[in-house]
Amino acid sequence: MARGSRLVEGLKQGQYEPLPVERQVLLIYAVTNGYVDDYPVQKIGRYERELYVYMEANYPEVLESIRTKKEIPDDVKAKLDEALDKLKGDLRELE
């Protein structure tokens, strides 16, 4: 239930502001794999913004791979897990 609430909060989109598929996949992966379990639902929007900035700055190849391959192969999954672990350490103030 809690993960579902976090997922719904994260996937809210503004009118005429569709979220690119790779960002949707990234957020769904983070939520379903427990990376946001410690954050209150009301802070998921901030987490989402931080996540996209962080990934674009530090792991753009992960986003590109998701966008072009339409899957998360094992090597990309390893980088994605690494990135999400590092981001979680950087965002302790959201807890």
C-alpha atoms as a PDB file:
ATOM      1  CA  MET A   1       0.000   0.000   0.000  1.00  0.00           C
ATOM      2  CA  ALA A   2       2.735   2.479   0.962  1.00  0.00           C
ATOM      3  CA  ARG A   3       4.743   1.776  -2.188  1.00  0.00           C
ATOM      4  CA  GLY A   4       1.611   2.217  -4.263  1.00  0.00           C
ATOM      5  CA  SER A   5       0.987   5.634  -2.717  1.00  0.00           C
ATOM      6  CA  ARG A   6       4.574   6.640  -3.412  1.00  0.00           C
ATOM      7  CA  LEU A   7       4.309   5.422  -6.995  1.00  0.00           C
ATOM      8  CA  VAL A   8       1.082   7.330  -7.630  1.00  0.00           C
ATOM      9  CA  GLU A   9       2.579  10.478  -6.113  1.00  0.00           C
ATOM     10  CA  GLY A  10       5.705  10.173  -8.235  1.00  0.00           C
ATOM     11  CA  LEU A  11       3.918   9.517 -11.501  1.00  0.00           C
ATOM     12  CA  LYS A  12       1.626  12.516 -11.297  1.00  0.00           C
ATOM     13  CA  GLN A  13       2.147  14.620 -14.404  1.00  0.00           C
ATOM     14  CA  GLY A  14       1.233  18.181 -15.144  1.00  0.00           C
ATOM     15  CA  GLN A  15      -1.206  18.836 -17.953  1.00  0.00           C
ATOM     16  CA  TYR A  16       0.670  19.004 -21.273  1.00  0.00           C
ATOM     17  CA  GLU A  17       3.863  17.870 -19.492  1.00  0.00           C
ATOM     18  CA  PRO A  18       4.207  14.199 -20.363  1.00  0.00           C
ATOM     19  CA  LEU A  19       6.976  12.340 -18.555  1.00  0.00           C
ATOM     20  CA  PRO A  20       9.457  10.613 -20.887  1.00  0.00           C
ATOM     21  CA  VAL A  21       9.278   6.822 -20.723  1.00  0.00           C
ATOM     22  CA  GLU A  22      12.819   6.441 -19.387  1.00  0.00           C
ATOM     23  CA  ARG A  23      11.957   8.697 -16.443  1.00  0.00           C
ATOM     24  CA  GLN A  24       8.782   6.744 -15.739  1.00  0.00           C
ATOM     25  CA  VAL A  25      10.738   3.480 -15.805  1.00  0.00           C
ATOM     26  CA  LEU A  26      13.411   4.971 -13.545  1.00  0.00           C
ATOM     27  CA  LEU A  27      10.869   6.097 -10.961  1.00  0.00           C
ATOM     28  CA  ILE A  28       8.906   2.842 -11.088  1.00  0.00           C
ATOM     29  CA  TYR A  29      12.148   0.908 -10.600  1.00  0.00           C
ATOM     30  CA  ALA A  30      13.157   3.044  -7.610  1.00  0.00           C
ATOM     31  CA  VAL A  31       9.751   2.701  -5.946  1.00  0.00           C
ATOM     32  CA  THR A  32       9.192  -1.012  -6.580  1.00  0.00           C
ATOM     33  CA  ASN A  33      12.696  -1.894  -5.402  1.00  0.00           C
ATOM     34  CA  GLY A  34      12.324  -0.083  -2.082  1.00  0.00           C
ATOM     35  CA  TYR A  35      14.590   2.910  -2.678  1.00  0.00           C
ATOM     36  CA  VAL A  36      11.923   5.366  -1.484  1.00  0.00           C
ATOM     37  CA  ASP A  37      10.392   3.320   1.337  1.00  0.00           C
ATOM     38  CA  ASP A  38      11.977   5.555   3.995  1.00  0.00           C
ATOM     39  CA  TYR A  39      10.619   8.795   2.533  1.00  0.00           C
ATOM     40  CA  PRO A  40       7.231  10.263   3.467  1.00  0.00           C
ATOM     41  CA  VAL A  41       4.747  10.269   0.578  1.00  0.00           C
ATOM     42  CA  GLN A  42       4.634  14.082   0.564  1.00  0.00           C
ATOM     43  CA  LYS A  43       8.382  14.195  -0.229  1.00  0.00           C
ATOM     44  CA  ILE A  44       8.246  11.898  -3.245  1.00  0.00           C
ATOM     45  CA  GLY A  45       7.869  14.837  -5.644  1.00  0.00           C
ATOM     46  CA  ARG A  46      11.143  16.287  -4.400  1.00  0.00           C
ATOM     47  CA  TYR A  47      12.806  12.870  -4.570  1.00  0.00           C
ATOM     48  CA  GLU A  48      11.623  12.534  -8.145  1.00  0.00           C
ATOM     49  CA  ARG A  49      13.108  15.903  -9.164  1.00  0.00           C
ATOM     50  CA  GLU A  50      16.400  15.110  -7.420  1.00  0.00           C
ATOM     51  CA  LEU A  51      16.466  11.680  -9.050  1.00  0.00           C
ATOM     52  CA  TYR A  52      16.172  13.038 -12.588  1.00  0.00           C
ATOM     53  CA  VAL A  53      18.803  15.741 -12.067  1.00  0.00           C
ATOM     54  CA  TYR A  54      21.175  13.262 -10.444  1.00  0.00           C
ATOM     55  CA  MET A  55      20.777  10.621 -13.130  1.00  0.00           C
ATOM     56  CA  GLU A  56      21.136  13.081 -16.000  1.00  0.00           C
ATOM     57  CA  ALA A  57      24.286  14.555 -14.453  1.00  0.00           C
ATOM     58  CA  ASN A  58      25.965  11.333 -13.329  1.00  0.00           C
ATOM     59  CA  TYR A  59      24.469   8.391 -15.226  1.00  0.00           C
ATOM     60  CA  PRO A  60      23.112   9.657 -18.555  1.00  0.00           C
ATOM     61  CA  GLU A  61      24.066   6.354 -20.196  1.00  0.00           C
ATOM     62  CA  VAL A  62      21.551   4.535 -17.985  1.00  0.00           C
ATOM     63  CA  LEU A  63      18.723   6.787 -19.143  1.00  0.00           C
ATOM     64  CA  GLU A  64      19.859   6.455 -22.754  1.00  0.00           C
ATOM     65  CA  SER A  65      19.962   2.672 -22.473  1.00  0.00           C
ATOM     66  CA  ILE A  66      16.434   2.535 -21.038  1.00  0.00           C
ATOM     67  CA  ARG A  67      15.214   4.897 -23.770  1.00  0.00           C
ATOM     68  CA  THR A  68      16.792   3.009 -26.668  1.00  0.00           C
ATOM     69  CA  LYS A  69      16.715  -0.642 -25.561  1.00  0.00           C
ATOM     70  CA  LYS A  70      13.299  -0.514 -23.858  1.00  0.00           C
ATOM     71  CA  GLU A  71      14.622  -2.844 -21.138  1.00  0.00           C
ATOM     72  CA  ILE A  72      17.069  -2.900 -18.241  1.00  0.00           C
ATOM     73  CA  PRO A  73      19.817  -5.434 -18.988  1.00  0.00           C
ATOM     74  CA  ASP A  74      21.923  -6.742 -16.083  1.00  0.00           C
ATOM     75  CA  ASP A  75      24.850  -4.351 -16.660  1.00  0.00           C
ATOM     76  CA  VAL A  76      22.512  -1.342 -16.674  1.00  0.00           C
ATOM     77  CA  LYS A  77      20.655  -2.691 -13.635  1.00  0.00           C
ATOM     78  CA  ALA A  78      23.947  -2.824 -11.725  1.00  0.00           C
ATOM     79  CA  LYS A  79      24.678   0.826 -12.590  1.00  0.00           C
ATOM     80  CA  LEU A  80      21.115   1.812 -11.740  1.00  0.00           C
ATOM     81  CA  ASP A  81      21.302   0.130  -8.329  1.00  0.00           C
ATOM     82  CA  GLU A  82      24.650   1.824  -7.689  1.00  0.00           C
ATOM     83  CA  ALA A  83      23.219   5.219  -8.639  1.00  0.00           C
ATOM     84  CA  LEU A  84      20.105   4.804  -6.490  1.00  0.00           C
ATOM     85  CA  ASP A  85      22.193   3.712  -3.491  1.00  0.00           C
ATOM     86  CA  LYS A  86      24.429   6.781  -3.856  1.00  0.00           C
ATOM     87  CA  LEU A  87      21.449   9.102  -4.268  1.00  0.00           C
ATOM     88  CA  LYS A  88      19.805   7.649  -1.154  1.00  0.00           C
ATOM     89  CA  GLY A  89      22.942   8.497   0.825  1.00  0.00           C
ATOM     90  CA  ASP A  90      22.861  12.053  -0.523  1.00  0.00           C
ATOM     91  CA  LEU A  91      19.170  12.588   0.295  1.00  0.00           C
ATOM     92  CA  ARG A  92      19.111  11.612   3.965  1.00  0.00           C
ATOM     93  CA  GLU A  93      17.309  14.875   4.828  1.00  0.00           C
ATOM     94  CA  LEU A  94      14.155  13.646   3.070  1.00  0.00           C
ATOM     95  CA  GLU A  95      13.668  10.832   5.596  1.00  0.00           C
END
